[in-house]
Amino acid sequence: MSTSVSPLPAQSPADPHVLDNAVWAALTGPHARFAERLGRAARYPLDVCPFSALADPADPGAWEDLAALVGSDTVTAVTGARAAPDGWETVESGQGVQLVDTGLGAEPAPEAVRLGPDDTPEILDLIALTKPGPFLPRTVELGTYLGIRHRGALIAMAGERVRPPGWTEISAVCTHPAHRGRGLATRLVRAVAAGIRERGDTPFLHTHAGNTHAIRLYESIGFTLRRRTNFLLVRTPGGRPAPTP
């Protein structure tokens, strides 16, 4: 796996990069219309995107706001945090990587079609088969999703997910196993990126740190590894026991 790093200007701890807490930046920015927010915590609706975020993952008060937002004894996916505070259960944790566009050849794909809510059943079937990451019944509302069809059947797709100011994440990149090796996913990534750039944003994406094949592929087409990321699936503290009579 390449260990290249982005040539983007270094940020001081007092001035973090917007992509360091991309979900919070999206939910308090371009995706504010989707936000369910309480104080210093926010999340997407449960049928849109599984992510929750904190204004400052180091702030205990933000975690308290998140617990109040999602409810006690509830599992939620938190981005931008390294560890949950005492009293929270870590159900699952993982390592990912964040890559940014530093030289992608973005261009439309004439064979690609725009996907919408009516295509959701087919999308969910392809997601279940290829497992590129979470995709929910209303995820398609987050941005532009493009697909390629063969004899009417959806065989490849890619689209836009988290959208912090100035950036848009490319997600749900997948191809039916019977049609791999034809460059369909790459063409769709380039086409989605072309639309992102057209409105003045820069594409970025995430993948699992262990997916070295995908990382090499993304780097080969113009993405640069910017940072390593953490994923937490946590359970909020349970309700307080009833007071003793």
C-alpha atoms as a PDB file:
ATOM      1  CA  MET A   1       0.000   0.000   0.000  1.00  0.00           C
ATOM      2  CA  SER A   2       1.284   3.423  -0.850  1.00  0.00           C
ATOM      3  CA  THR A   3       2.074   5.736   2.031  1.00  0.00           C
ATOM      4  CA  SER A   4       1.889   8.939   0.038  1.00  0.00           C
ATOM      5  CA  VAL A   5       0.463  11.957   1.813  1.00  0.00           C
ATOM      6  CA  SER A   6      -1.464  14.917   0.537  1.00  0.00           C
ATOM      7  CA  PRO A   7       0.476  18.106  -0.304  1.00  0.00           C
ATOM      8  CA  LEU A   8      -2.341  20.136   1.252  1.00  0.00           C
ATOM      9  CA  PRO A   9      -1.091  22.847   3.654  1.00  0.00           C
ATOM     10  CA  ALA A  10      -0.519  21.692   7.210  1.00  0.00           C
ATOM     11  CA  GLN A  11      -3.126  22.715   9.762  1.00  0.00           C
ATOM     12  CA  SER A  12      -2.393  23.630  13.357  1.00  0.00           C
ATOM     13  CA  PRO A  13      -4.301  21.863  16.161  1.00  0.00           C
ATOM     14  CA  ALA A  14      -6.162  25.127  16.775  1.00  0.00           C
ATOM     15  CA  ASP A  15      -7.223  25.278  13.131  1.00  0.00           C
ATOM     16  CA  PRO A  16      -8.178  21.719  12.092  1.00  0.00           C
ATOM     17  CA  HIS A  17      -8.965  20.857   8.508  1.00  0.00           C
ATOM     18  CA  VAL A  18     -12.662  20.594   7.671  1.00  0.00           C
ATOM     19  CA  LEU A  19     -12.155  16.966   6.582  1.00  0.00           C
ATOM     20  CA  ASP A  20     -10.907  16.020  10.057  1.00  0.00           C
ATOM     21  CA  ASN A  21     -14.543  16.143  11.221  1.00  0.00           C
ATOM     22  CA  ALA A  22     -16.315  15.911   7.883  1.00  0.00           C
ATOM     23  CA  VAL A  23     -19.703  14.650   9.094  1.00  0.00           C
ATOM     24  CA  TRP A  24     -20.080  17.446  11.651  1.00  0.00           C
ATOM     25  CA  ALA A  25     -19.038  19.989   9.013  1.00  0.00           C
ATOM     26  CA  ALA A  26     -21.610  18.570   6.599  1.00  0.00           C
ATOM     27  CA  LEU A  27     -24.468  18.448   9.102  1.00  0.00           C
ATOM     28  CA  THR A  28     -23.819  22.029  10.184  1.00  0.00           C
ATOM     29  CA  GLY A  29     -23.211  23.144   6.595  1.00  0.00           C
ATOM     30  CA  PRO A  30     -24.430  21.918   3.188  1.00  0.00           C
ATOM     31  CA  HIS A  31     -26.352  18.971   4.690  1.00  0.00           C
ATOM     32  CA  ALA A  32     -27.966  20.949   7.534  1.00  0.00           C
ATOM     33  CA  ARG A  33     -31.390  20.134   6.081  1.00  0.00           C
ATOM     34  CA  PHE A  34     -30.821  16.493   7.035  1.00  0.00           C
ATOM     35  CA  ALA A  35     -29.441  17.178  10.511  1.00  0.00           C
ATOM     36  CA  GLU A  36     -31.005  15.927  13.694  1.00  0.00           C
ATOM     37  CA  ARG A  37     -29.098  18.045  16.194  1.00  0.00           C
ATOM     38  CA  LEU A  38     -28.945  18.618  19.929  1.00  0.00           C
ATOM     39  CA  GLY A  39     -26.343  21.072  21.192  1.00  0.00           C
ATOM     40  CA  ARG A  40     -22.894  19.832  20.202  1.00  0.00           C
ATOM     41  CA  ALA A  41     -24.066  16.551  18.653  1.00  0.00           C
ATOM     42  CA  ALA A  42     -25.770  15.774  15.356  1.00  0.00           C
ATOM     43  CA  ARG A  43     -26.700  12.827  13.196  1.00  0.00           C
ATOM     44  CA  TYR A  44     -28.307  11.979   9.882  1.00  0.00           C
ATOM     45  CA  PRO A  45     -31.813  10.461   9.931  1.00  0.00           C
ATOM     46  CA  LEU A  46     -31.577   6.720  10.474  1.00  0.00           C
ATOM     47  CA  ASP A  47     -32.915   5.914   6.997  1.00  0.00           C
ATOM     48  CA  VAL A  48     -30.502   8.325   5.267  1.00  0.00           C
ATOM     49  CA  CYS A  49     -27.026   7.696   6.699  1.00  0.00           C
ATOM     50  CA  PRO A  50     -25.806   5.882   9.836  1.00  0.00           C
ATOM     51  CA  PHE A  51     -23.341   8.537  11.004  1.00  0.00           C
ATOM     52  CA  SER A  52     -23.374  10.686  14.129  1.00  0.00           C
ATOM     53  CA  ALA A  53     -20.843  13.433  14.836  1.00  0.00           C
ATOM     54  CA  LEU A  54     -19.648  15.717  17.608  1.00  0.00           C
ATOM     55  CA  ALA A  55     -18.548  19.327  17.419  1.00  0.00           C
ATOM     56  CA  ASP A  56     -15.465  18.316  19.416  1.00  0.00           C
ATOM     57  CA  PRO A  57     -14.907  14.612  20.126  1.00  0.00           C
ATOM     58  CA  ALA A  58     -12.678  15.590  23.072  1.00  0.00           C
ATOM     59  CA  ASP A  59     -15.540  17.458  24.778  1.00  0.00           C
ATOM     60  CA  PRO A  60     -17.406  15.305  27.354  1.00  0.00           C
ATOM     61  CA  GLY A  61     -20.389  17.636  27.034  1.00  0.00           C
ATOM     62  CA  ALA A  62     -20.697  16.781  23.331  1.00  0.00           C
ATOM     63  CA  TRP A  63     -20.937  13.088  24.220  1.00  0.00           C
ATOM     64  CA  GLU A  64     -23.650  13.915  26.740  1.00  0.00           C
ATOM     65  CA  ASP A  65     -25.539  15.756  24.001  1.00  0.00           C
ATOM     66  CA  LEU A  66     -25.172  12.742  21.708  1.00  0.00           C
ATOM     67  CA  ALA A  67     -26.536  10.391  24.365  1.00  0.00           C
ATOM     68  CA  ALA A  68     -29.544  12.679  24.825  1.00  0.00           C
ATOM     69  CA  LEU A  69     -30.027  12.940  21.060  1.00  0.00           C
ATOM     70  CA  VAL A  70     -30.037   9.222  20.236  1.00  0.00           C
ATOM     71  CA  GLY A  71     -31.379   7.884  23.530  1.00  0.00           C
ATOM     72  CA  SER A  72     -30.037   5.589  26.218  1.00  0.00           C
ATOM     73  CA  ASP A  73     -28.784   2.075  25.429  1.00  0.00           C
ATOM     74  CA  THR A  74     -28.689   2.902  21.695  1.00  0.00           C
ATOM     75  CA  VAL A  75     -26.040   1.924  19.153  1.00  0.00           C
ATOM     76  CA  THR A  76     -24.747   4.674  16.852  1.00  0.00           C
ATOM     77  CA  ALA A  77     -21.787   5.136  14.499  1.00  0.00           C
ATOM     78  CA  VAL A  78     -19.575   8.055  15.550  1.00  0.00           C
ATOM     79  CA  THR A  79     -17.076   9.636  13.164  1.00  0.00           C
ATOM     80  CA  GLY A  80     -14.058  11.755  14.011  1.00  0.00           C
ATOM     81  CA  ALA A  81     -13.512  10.235  17.478  1.00  0.00           C
ATOM     82  CA  ARG A  82     -10.670   7.995  18.631  1.00  0.00           C
ATOM     83  CA  ALA A  83     -12.399   6.521  21.673  1.00  0.00           C
ATOM     84  CA  ALA A  84     -15.672   6.737  23.568  1.00  0.00           C
ATOM     85  CA  PRO A  85     -15.755   8.073  27.133  1.00  0.00           C
ATOM     86  CA  ASP A  86     -16.270   5.998  30.265  1.00  0.00           C
ATOM     87  CA  GLY A  87     -19.751   4.548  30.503  1.00  0.00           C
ATOM     88  CA  TRP A  88     -20.058   3.986  26.752  1.00  0.00           C
ATOM     89  CA  GLU A  89     -19.639   0.551  25.203  1.00  0.00           C
ATOM     90  CA  THR A  90     -17.526   0.229  22.073  1.00  0.00           C
ATOM     91  CA  VAL A  91     -19.428  -2.305  19.996  1.00  0.00           C
ATOM     92  CA  GLU A  92     -17.021  -2.184  17.060  1.00  0.00           C
ATOM     93  CA  SER A  93     -14.021  -0.149  15.997  1.00  0.00           C
ATOM     94  CA  GLY A  94     -11.988   0.009  12.835  1.00  0.00           C
ATOM     95  CA  GLN A  95      -9.356   1.859  10.876  1.00  0.00           C
ATOM     96  CA  GLY A  96      -9.903   3.596   7.581  1.00  0.00           C
ATOM     97  CA  VAL A  97      -8.148   5.974   5.229  1.00  0.00           C
ATOM     98  CA  GLN A  98      -9.254   9.252   3.715  1.00  0.00           C
ATOM     99  CA  LEU A  99      -8.126  10.110   0.190  1.00  0.00           C
ATOM    100  CA  VAL A 100      -8.503  13.417  -1.630  1.00  0.00           C
ATOM    101  CA  ASP A 101      -8.507  14.315  -5.307  1.00  0.00           C
ATOM    102  CA  THR A 102      -5.163  15.807  -6.279  1.00  0.00           C
ATOM    103  CA  GLY A 103      -5.051  14.807  -9.945  1.00  0.00           C
ATOM    104  CA  LEU A 104      -8.105  12.827 -10.957  1.00  0.00           C
ATOM    105  CA  GLY A 105      -9.066  12.924 -14.612  1.00  0.00           C
ATOM    106  CA  ALA A 106     -12.739  13.749 -14.087  1.00  0.00           C
ATOM    107  CA  GLU A 107     -15.009  13.367 -17.098  1.00  0.00           C
ATOM    108  CA  PRO A 108     -18.637  12.447 -17.819  1.00  0.00           C
ATOM    109  CA  ALA A 109     -19.562   8.838 -18.593  1.00  0.00           C
ATOM    110  CA  PRO A 110     -22.028   8.855 -21.509  1.00  0.00           C
ATOM    111  CA  GLU A 111     -23.368   5.417 -20.595  1.00  0.00           C
ATOM    112  CA  ALA A 112     -24.120   6.404 -16.976  1.00  0.00           C
ATOM    113  CA  VAL A 113     -27.678   7.104 -15.862  1.00  0.00           C
ATOM    114  CA  ARG A 114     -28.885   9.164 -12.914  1.00  0.00           C
ATOM    115  CA  LEU A 115     -30.283   7.022 -10.093  1.00  0.00           C
ATOM    116  CA  GLY A 116     -33.127   8.149  -7.883  1.00  0.00           C
ATOM    117  CA  PRO A 117     -35.582   6.918  -5.256  1.00  0.00           C
ATOM    118  CA  ASP A 118     -37.360   4.648  -7.745  1.00  0.00           C
ATOM    119  CA  ASP A 119     -34.079   2.769  -8.231  1.00  0.00           C
ATOM    120  CA  THR A 120     -33.560   2.143  -4.511  1.00  0.00           C
ATOM    121  CA  PRO A 121     -34.622  -1.549  -4.514  1.00  0.00           C
ATOM    122  CA  GLU A 122     -32.074  -2.350  -7.237  1.00  0.00           C
ATOM    123  CA  ILE A 123     -29.437  -0.230  -5.512  1.00  0.00           C
ATOM    124  CA  LEU A 124     -29.944  -2.051  -2.223  1.00  0.00           C
ATOM    125  CA  ASP A 125     -29.672  -5.413  -3.988  1.00  0.00           C
ATOM    126  CA  LEU A 126     -26.342  -4.403  -5.569  1.00  0.00           C
ATOM    127  CA  ILE A 127     -25.085  -3.021  -2.247  1.00  0.00           C
ATOM    128  CA  ALA A 128     -26.019  -6.252  -0.462  1.00  0.00           C
ATOM    129  CA  LEU A 129     -24.112  -8.251  -3.082  1.00  0.00           C
ATOM    130  CA  THR A 130     -20.952  -6.131  -3.195  1.00  0.00           C
ATOM    131  CA  LYS A 131     -20.834  -4.605   0.340  1.00  0.00           C
ATOM    132  CA  PRO A 132     -19.085  -1.280  -0.413  1.00  0.00           C
ATOM    133  CA  GLY A 133     -20.374   0.210   2.859  1.00  0.00           C
ATOM    134  CA  PRO A 134     -23.637   1.323   4.405  1.00  0.00           C
ATOM    135  CA  PHE A 135     -26.440   2.394   2.103  1.00  0.00           C
ATOM    136  CA  LEU A 136     -29.937   3.035   3.437  1.00  0.00           C
ATOM    137  CA  PRO A 137     -33.363   3.566   1.838  1.00  0.00           C
ATOM    138  CA  ARG A 138     -32.919   7.360   1.545  1.00  0.00           C
ATOM    139  CA  THR A 139     -29.143   7.584   1.027  1.00  0.00           C
ATOM    140  CA  VAL A 140     -29.766   8.406  -2.631  1.00  0.00           C
ATOM    141  CA  GLU A 141     -31.170  11.782  -1.486  1.00  0.00           C
ATOM    142  CA  LEU A 142     -27.729  12.952  -0.296  1.00  0.00           C
ATOM    143  CA  GLY A 143     -26.446  13.801  -3.774  1.00  0.00           C
ATOM    144  CA  THR A 144     -25.972  12.575  -7.323  1.00  0.00           C
ATOM    145  CA  TYR A 145     -25.813   8.816  -7.806  1.00  0.00           C
ATOM    146  CA  LEU A 146     -24.881   7.387 -11.187  1.00  0.00           C
ATOM    147  CA  GLY A 147     -25.244   3.843 -12.434  1.00  0.00           C
ATOM    148  CA  ILE A 148     -24.447   1.694 -15.442  1.00  0.00           C
ATOM    149  CA  ARG A 149     -26.989  -0.844 -16.673  1.00  0.00           C
ATOM    150  CA  HIS A 150     -26.550  -3.995 -18.742  1.00  0.00           C
ATOM    151  CA  ARG A 151     -29.674  -5.354 -20.436  1.00  0.00           C
ATOM    152  CA  GLY A 152     -31.683  -3.198 -18.059  1.00  0.00           C
ATOM    153  CA  ALA A 153     -30.065  -4.467 -14.859  1.00  0.00           C
ATOM    154  CA  LEU A 154     -27.981  -2.204 -12.605  1.00  0.00           C
ATOM    155  CA  ILE A 155     -24.413  -3.542 -12.637  1.00  0.00           C
ATOM    156  CA  ALA A 156     -22.296  -0.660 -11.276  1.00  0.00           C
ATOM    157  CA  MET A 157     -22.780   2.555  -9.340  1.00  0.00           C
ATOM    158  CA  ALA A 158     -21.136   5.408  -7.446  1.00  0.00           C
ATOM    159  CA  GLY A 159     -22.412   8.592  -5.878  1.00  0.00           C
ATOM    160  CA  GLU A 160     -22.142  11.435  -3.390  1.00  0.00           C
ATOM    161  CA  ARG A 161     -22.527  11.053   0.372  1.00  0.00           C
ATOM    162  CA  VAL A 162     -21.108  13.389   3.054  1.00  0.00           C
ATOM    163  CA  ARG A 163     -20.750  16.992   1.890  1.00  0.00           C
ATOM    164  CA  PRO A 164     -18.731  19.343   4.125  1.00  0.00           C
ATOM    165  CA  PRO A 165     -18.151  22.895   2.851  1.00  0.00           C
ATOM    166  CA  GLY A 166     -16.006  22.840  -0.293  1.00  0.00           C
ATOM    167  CA  TRP A 167     -15.808  19.043  -0.488  1.00  0.00           C
ATOM    168  CA  THR A 168     -17.993  16.089  -1.492  1.00  0.00           C
ATOM    169  CA  GLU A 169     -17.407  12.458  -0.593  1.00  0.00           C
ATOM    170  CA  ILE A 170     -17.652   9.824  -3.323  1.00  0.00           C
ATOM    171  CA  SER A 171     -19.226   6.673  -1.929  1.00  0.00           C
ATOM    172  CA  ALA A 172     -21.055   3.424  -2.733  1.00  0.00           C
ATOM    173  CA  VAL A 173     -18.536   2.571  -5.463  1.00  0.00           C
ATOM    174  CA  CYS A 174     -19.345  -0.966  -6.539  1.00  0.00           C
ATOM    175  CA  THR A 175     -19.621  -3.326  -9.514  1.00  0.00           C
ATOM    176  CA  HIS A 176     -21.507  -6.584  -9.871  1.00  0.00           C
ATOM    177  CA  PRO A 177     -18.974  -9.464  -9.656  1.00  0.00           C
ATOM    178  CA  ALA A 178     -19.958 -10.704 -13.116  1.00  0.00           C
ATOM    179  CA  HIS A 179     -18.941  -7.381 -14.668  1.00  0.00           C
ATOM    180  CA  ARG A 180     -15.697  -6.542 -12.891  1.00  0.00           C
ATOM    181  CA  GLY A 181     -12.462  -5.900 -14.754  1.00  0.00           C
ATOM    182  CA  ARG A 182     -14.054  -3.556 -17.301  1.00  0.00           C
ATOM    183  CA  GLY A 183     -13.255  -0.273 -15.537  1.00  0.00           C
ATOM    184  CA  LEU A 184     -16.908   0.519 -14.832  1.00  0.00           C
ATOM    185  CA  ALA A 185     -16.302   1.753 -11.281  1.00  0.00           C
ATOM    186  CA  THR A 186     -13.440   3.971 -12.403  1.00  0.00           C
ATOM    187  CA  ARG A 187     -15.583   5.539 -15.120  1.00  0.00           C
ATOM    188  CA  LEU A 188     -18.334   6.221 -12.594  1.00  0.00           C
ATOM    189  CA  VAL A 189     -15.921   7.731 -10.063  1.00  0.00           C
ATOM    190  CA  ARG A 190     -14.604  10.056 -12.768  1.00  0.00           C
ATOM    191  CA  ALA A 191     -18.152  10.989 -13.793  1.00  0.00           C
ATOM    192  CA  VAL A 192     -19.322  11.686 -10.230  1.00  0.00           C
ATOM    193  CA  ALA A 193     -16.142  13.711  -9.666  1.00  0.00           C
ATOM    194  CA  ALA A 194     -16.863  15.778 -12.785  1.00  0.00           C
ATOM    195  CA  GLY A 195     -20.195  16.852 -11.315  1.00  0.00           C
ATOM    196  CA  ILE A 196     -18.592  17.634  -7.962  1.00  0.00           C
ATOM    197  CA  ARG A 197     -15.936  19.802  -9.564  1.00  0.00           C
ATOM    198  CA  GLU A 198     -18.513  21.538 -11.742  1.00  0.00           C
ATOM    199  CA  ARG A 199     -20.135  23.065  -8.663  1.00  0.00           C
ATOM    200  CA  GLY A 200     -16.752  24.051  -7.214  1.00  0.00           C
ATOM    201  CA  ASP A 201     -16.203  21.244  -4.678  1.00  0.00           C
ATOM    202  CA  THR A 202     -13.255  18.849  -4.417  1.00  0.00           C
ATOM    203  CA  PRO A 203     -13.890  15.090  -4.346  1.00  0.00           C
ATOM    204  CA  PHE A 204     -12.682  12.913  -1.475  1.00  0.00           C
ATOM    205  CA  LEU A 205     -13.458   9.396  -0.338  1.00  0.00           C
ATOM    206  CA  HIS A 206     -12.926   6.832   2.394  1.00  0.00           C
ATOM    207  CA  THR A 207     -12.127   3.147   2.368  1.00  0.00           C
ATOM    208  CA  HIS A 208     -11.059   0.517   4.884  1.00  0.00           C
ATOM    209  CA  ALA A 209      -7.380   0.697   5.801  1.00  0.00           C
ATOM    210  CA  GLY A 210      -6.978  -2.985   4.960  1.00  0.00           C
ATOM    211  CA  ASN A 211      -8.401  -2.626   1.459  1.00  0.00           C
ATOM    212  CA  THR A 212      -5.011  -2.155  -0.158  1.00  0.00           C
ATOM    213  CA  HIS A 213      -6.332  -3.029  -3.623  1.00  0.00           C
ATOM    214  CA  ALA A 214      -8.851  -0.181  -3.534  1.00  0.00           C
ATOM    215  CA  ILE A 215      -6.280   2.242  -2.097  1.00  0.00           C
ATOM    216  CA  ARG A 216      -3.806   1.458  -4.885  1.00  0.00           C
ATOM    217  CA  LEU A 217      -6.546   1.837  -7.475  1.00  0.00           C
ATOM    218  CA  TYR A 218      -7.680   5.219  -6.146  1.00  0.00           C
ATOM    219  CA  GLU A 219      -4.104   6.467  -5.968  1.00  0.00           C
ATOM    220  CA  SER A 220      -3.460   5.297  -9.517  1.00  0.00           C
ATOM    221  CA  ILE A 221      -6.315   7.444 -10.864  1.00  0.00           C
ATOM    222  CA  GLY A 222      -5.393  10.640  -9.013  1.00  0.00           C
ATOM    223  CA  PHE A 223      -6.357  10.414  -5.329  1.00  0.00           C
ATOM    224  CA  THR A 224      -3.823  10.983  -2.555  1.00  0.00           C
ATOM    225  CA  LEU A 225      -3.893   9.450   0.894  1.00  0.00           C
ATOM    226  CA  ARG A 226      -4.502  12.353   3.265  1.00  0.00           C
ATOM    227  CA  ARG A 227      -4.979  10.753   6.679  1.00  0.00           C
ATOM    228  CA  ARG A 228      -5.907   7.626   8.551  1.00  0.00           C
ATOM    229  CA  THR A 229      -9.284   7.603  10.221  1.00  0.00           C
ATOM    230  CA  ASN A 230     -11.047   5.832  13.076  1.00  0.00           C
ATOM    231  CA  PHE A 231     -14.486   4.272  13.056  1.00  0.00           C
ATOM    232  CA  LEU A 232     -16.494   3.705  16.230  1.00  0.00           C
ATOM    233  CA  LEU A 233     -19.776   1.913  16.682  1.00  0.00           C
ATOM    234  CA  VAL A 234     -20.796   2.680  20.241  1.00  0.00           C
ATOM    235  CA  ARG A 235     -23.656   2.061  22.609  1.00  0.00           C
ATOM    236  CA  THR A 236     -24.870   4.960  24.728  1.00  0.00           C
ATOM    237  CA  PRO A 237     -25.002   4.498  28.507  1.00  0.00           C
ATOM    238  CA  GLY A 238     -28.136   2.728  29.722  1.00  0.00           C
ATOM    239  CA  GLY A 239     -30.937   4.510  31.517  1.00  0.00           C
ATOM    240  CA  ARG A 240     -30.509   5.343  35.136  1.00  0.00           C
ATOM    241  CA  PRO A 241     -31.935   2.738  37.550  1.00  0.00           C
ATOM    242  CA  ALA A 242     -35.264   3.646  39.083  1.00  0.00           C
ATOM    243  CA  PRO A 243     -34.926   5.316  42.485  1.00  0.00           C
ATOM    244  CA  THR A 244     -35.403   3.105  45.515  1.00  0.00           C
ATOM    245  CA  PRO A 245     -38.774   3.781  47.196  1.00  0.00           C
END
